[in-house]
Amino acid sequence: MHEHNILYDRDERGGEFFHAYTEQLDQRFFLEVIERRGDYDGYGAANAAVRLAAHAQQQRARAAASAASA
């Protein structure tokens, strides 16, 4: 799942949460795809920090690439 940038969470009842997202579009927003399996009733809070860090890393990489091509 890591290879495809899919975040995963599992709760104590065995419910599963899959969370995929796009890179930022126009440096302003992104799309998310969420799937809940079983009785997972959370919102993937455990993944929020990971998703935000990944977006920040992508922004830094884009900024570095832009600076290198200027």
N, C-alpha and C. Protein backbone atom coordinates (compact mmCIF):
# COMPACT_ATOMS: atom_id res chain seq x y z
N MET A 1 0.82 -1.18 0.00
CA MET A 1 0.00 0.00 0.00
C MET A 1 0.87 1.25 0.00
N HIS A 2 2.00 1.18 0.65
CA HIS A 2 2.90 2.33 0.71
C HIS A 2 3.32 2.77 -0.70
N GLU A 3 3.60 1.80 -1.54
CA GLU A 3 4.03 2.09 -2.90
C GLU A 3 2.99 2.90 -3.67
N HIS A 4 1.71 2.73 -3.31
CA HIS A 4 0.63 3.42 -4.00
C HIS A 4 0.07 4.59 -3.18
N ASN A 5 0.78 4.98 -2.13
CA ASN A 5 0.37 6.11 -1.27
C ASN A 5 -1.01 5.92 -0.66
N ILE A 6 -1.30 4.72 -0.22
CA ILE A 6 -2.57 4.44 0.44
C ILE A 6 -2.31 4.32 1.94
N LEU A 7 -2.98 5.18 2.70
CA LEU A 7 -2.88 5.12 4.15
C LEU A 7 -3.88 4.10 4.67
N TYR A 8 -3.58 3.52 5.82
CA TYR A 8 -4.40 2.42 6.34
C TYR A 8 -4.53 2.57 7.85
N ASP A 9 -5.71 2.24 8.34
CA ASP A 9 -5.94 2.18 9.78
C ASP A 9 -6.87 1.01 10.04
N ARG A 10 -6.72 0.43 11.22
CA ARG A 10 -7.59 -0.68 11.63
C ARG A 10 -7.99 -0.43 13.06
N ASP A 11 -9.26 -0.61 13.37
CA ASP A 11 -9.71 -0.36 14.74
C ASP A 11 -9.73 -1.65 15.54
N GLU A 12 -10.07 -1.53 16.81
CA GLU A 12 -10.03 -2.68 17.72
C GLU A 12 -11.07 -3.74 17.37
N ARG A 13 -12.08 -3.41 16.57
CA ARG A 13 -13.11 -4.38 16.18
C ARG A 13 -12.81 -5.04 14.85
N GLY A 14 -11.67 -4.69 14.24
CA GLY A 14 -11.29 -5.28 12.97
C GLY A 14 -11.75 -4.49 11.76
N GLY A 15 -12.44 -3.37 11.97
CA GLY A 15 -12.84 -2.52 10.85
C GLY A 15 -11.60 -1.89 10.23
N GLU A 16 -11.64 -1.67 8.93
CA GLU A 16 -10.48 -1.14 8.23
C GLU A 16 -10.82 0.17 7.52
N PHE A 17 -9.81 1.02 7.39
CA PHE A 17 -9.95 2.33 6.76
C PHE A 17 -8.82 2.50 5.75
N PHE A 18 -9.16 2.73 4.50
CA PHE A 18 -8.18 2.97 3.44
C PHE A 18 -8.34 4.40 2.97
N HIS A 19 -7.23 5.09 2.77
CA HIS A 19 -7.27 6.52 2.46
C HIS A 19 -6.22 6.81 1.40
N ALA A 20 -6.69 7.22 0.22
CA ALA A 20 -5.78 7.61 -0.86
C ALA A 20 -6.07 9.07 -1.21
N TYR A 21 -5.08 9.76 -1.70
CA TYR A 21 -5.26 11.16 -2.04
C TYR A 21 -4.37 11.51 -3.23
N THR A 22 -4.76 12.55 -3.94
CA THR A 22 -3.96 12.99 -5.08
C THR A 22 -2.90 13.97 -4.60
N GLU A 23 -1.96 14.27 -5.48
CA GLU A 23 -1.07 15.39 -5.21
C GLU A 23 -1.92 16.65 -5.26
N GLN A 24 -1.41 17.73 -4.71
CA GLN A 24 -2.16 18.97 -4.72
C GLN A 24 -2.35 19.44 -6.16
N LEU A 25 -3.53 19.92 -6.45
CA LEU A 25 -3.88 20.42 -7.76
C LEU A 25 -3.85 21.95 -7.70
N ASP A 26 -3.15 22.55 -8.62
CA ASP A 26 -3.03 24.00 -8.67
C ASP A 26 -2.52 24.57 -7.34
N GLN A 27 -1.76 23.78 -6.61
CA GLN A 27 -1.18 24.16 -5.31
C GLN A 27 -2.23 24.66 -4.33
N ARG A 28 -3.47 24.18 -4.49
CA ARG A 28 -4.53 24.70 -3.64
C ARG A 28 -5.41 23.64 -3.01
N PHE A 29 -5.63 22.52 -3.69
CA PHE A 29 -6.51 21.51 -3.13
C PHE A 29 -6.10 20.14 -3.64
N PHE A 30 -6.67 19.12 -3.03
CA PHE A 30 -6.40 17.75 -3.43
C PHE A 30 -7.69 16.95 -3.30
N LEU A 31 -7.72 15.80 -3.92
CA LEU A 31 -8.87 14.91 -3.84
C LEU A 31 -8.52 13.72 -2.96
N GLU A 32 -9.51 13.26 -2.22
CA GLU A 32 -9.32 12.11 -1.34
C GLU A 32 -10.31 11.02 -1.72
N VAL A 33 -9.86 9.78 -1.60
CA VAL A 33 -10.73 8.62 -1.77
C VAL A 33 -10.63 7.82 -0.49
N ILE A 34 -11.77 7.56 0.11
CA ILE A 34 -11.81 6.86 1.39
C ILE A 34 -12.70 5.63 1.26
N GLU A 35 -12.23 4.52 1.82
CA GLU A 35 -13.04 3.31 1.88
C GLU A 35 -13.01 2.78 3.30
N ARG A 36 -14.18 2.51 3.83
CA ARG A 36 -14.30 1.88 5.14
C ARG A 36 -14.80 0.45 4.93
N ARG A 37 -14.16 -0.49 5.61
CA ARG A 37 -14.59 -1.90 5.53
C ARG A 37 -14.93 -2.38 6.92
N GLY A 38 -15.89 -3.25 6.99
CA GLY A 38 -16.31 -3.75 8.28
C GLY A 38 -17.04 -2.65 9.04
N ASP A 39 -16.87 -2.63 10.32
CA ASP A 39 -17.57 -1.65 11.15
C ASP A 39 -16.70 -0.46 11.51
N TYR A 40 -15.73 -0.13 10.69
CA TYR A 40 -14.88 1.02 10.98
C TYR A 40 -15.76 2.27 10.94
N ASP A 41 -15.80 3.00 12.06
CA ASP A 41 -16.66 4.18 12.10
C ASP A 41 -15.88 5.45 12.40
N GLY A 42 -14.57 5.38 12.34
CA GLY A 42 -13.75 6.56 12.59
C GLY A 42 -13.55 7.37 11.32
N TYR A 43 -12.69 8.35 11.43
CA TYR A 43 -12.42 9.23 10.29
C TYR A 43 -10.95 9.22 9.90
N GLY A 44 -10.22 8.21 10.31
CA GLY A 44 -8.82 8.11 9.92
C GLY A 44 -7.93 9.13 10.59
N ALA A 45 -8.28 9.58 11.79
CA ALA A 45 -7.51 10.60 12.48
C ALA A 45 -6.04 10.22 12.62
N ALA A 46 -5.77 8.94 12.74
CA ALA A 46 -4.38 8.49 12.87
C ALA A 46 -3.57 8.82 11.63
N ASN A 47 -4.22 8.98 10.48
CA ASN A 47 -3.52 9.24 9.22
C ASN A 47 -3.33 10.72 8.92
N ALA A 48 -3.99 11.59 9.64
CA ALA A 48 -3.97 13.02 9.31
C ALA A 48 -2.55 13.59 9.31
N ALA A 49 -1.78 13.30 10.33
CA ALA A 49 -0.42 13.84 10.40
C ALA A 49 0.45 13.31 9.27
N VAL A 50 0.26 12.05 8.90
CA VAL A 50 1.03 11.45 7.81
C VAL A 50 0.68 12.13 6.48
N ARG A 51 -0.61 12.32 6.24
CA ARG A 51 -1.06 12.96 5.00
C ARG A 51 -0.53 14.39 4.91
N LEU A 52 -0.61 15.15 5.98
CA LEU A 52 -0.13 16.53 5.97
C LEU A 52 1.38 16.59 5.76
N ALA A 53 2.12 15.69 6.37
CA ALA A 53 3.57 15.64 6.17
C ALA A 53 3.92 15.29 4.73
N ALA A 54 3.16 14.37 4.14
CA ALA A 54 3.42 13.99 2.75
C ALA A 54 3.15 15.16 1.81
N HIS A 55 2.10 15.90 2.07
CA HIS A 55 1.81 17.07 1.23
C HIS A 55 2.90 18.13 1.38
N ALA A 56 3.37 18.35 2.58
CA ALA A 56 4.45 19.32 2.80
C ALA A 56 5.71 18.88 2.06
N GLN A 57 6.02 17.59 2.10
CA GLN A 57 7.19 17.06 1.39
C GLN A 57 7.04 17.26 -0.11
N GLN A 58 5.86 17.03 -0.64
CA GLN A 58 5.63 17.23 -2.07
C GLN A 58 5.80 18.70 -2.45
N GLN A 59 5.32 19.59 -1.60
CA GLN A 59 5.47 21.02 -1.88
C GLN A 59 6.94 21.43 -1.90
N ARG A 60 7.72 20.92 -0.95
CA ARG A 60 9.15 21.23 -0.92
C ARG A 60 9.85 20.70 -2.17
N ALA A 61 9.47 19.49 -2.59
CA ALA A 61 10.09 18.92 -3.79
C ALA A 61 9.75 19.74 -5.03
N ARG A 62 8.49 20.18 -5.14
CA ARG A 62 8.10 21.02 -6.28
C ARG A 62 8.84 22.36 -6.25
N ALA A 63 8.98 22.96 -5.08
CA ALA A 63 9.68 24.23 -4.96
C ALA A 63 11.14 24.07 -5.35
N ALA A 64 11.76 22.98 -4.92
CA ALA A 64 13.17 22.73 -5.26
C ALA A 64 13.34 22.52 -6.77
N ALA A 65 12.42 21.78 -7.37
CA ALA A 65 12.48 21.53 -8.81
C ALA A 65 12.27 22.83 -9.58
N SER A 66 11.37 23.66 -9.11
CA SER A 66 11.10 24.94 -9.76
C SER A 66 12.32 25.85 -9.67
N ALA A 67 12.96 25.88 -8.50
CA ALA A 67 14.14 26.72 -8.30
C ALA A 67 15.30 26.23 -9.17
N ALA A 68 15.42 24.91 -9.33
CA ALA A 68 16.51 24.35 -10.12
C ALA A 68 16.34 24.64 -11.61
N SER A 69 15.10 24.74 -12.04
CA SER A 69 14.86 24.99 -13.47
C SER A 69 14.84 26.49 -13.81
N ALA A 70 14.88 27.34 -12.80
CA ALA A 70 14.84 28.79 -13.05
C ALA A 70 16.21 29.34 -13.40
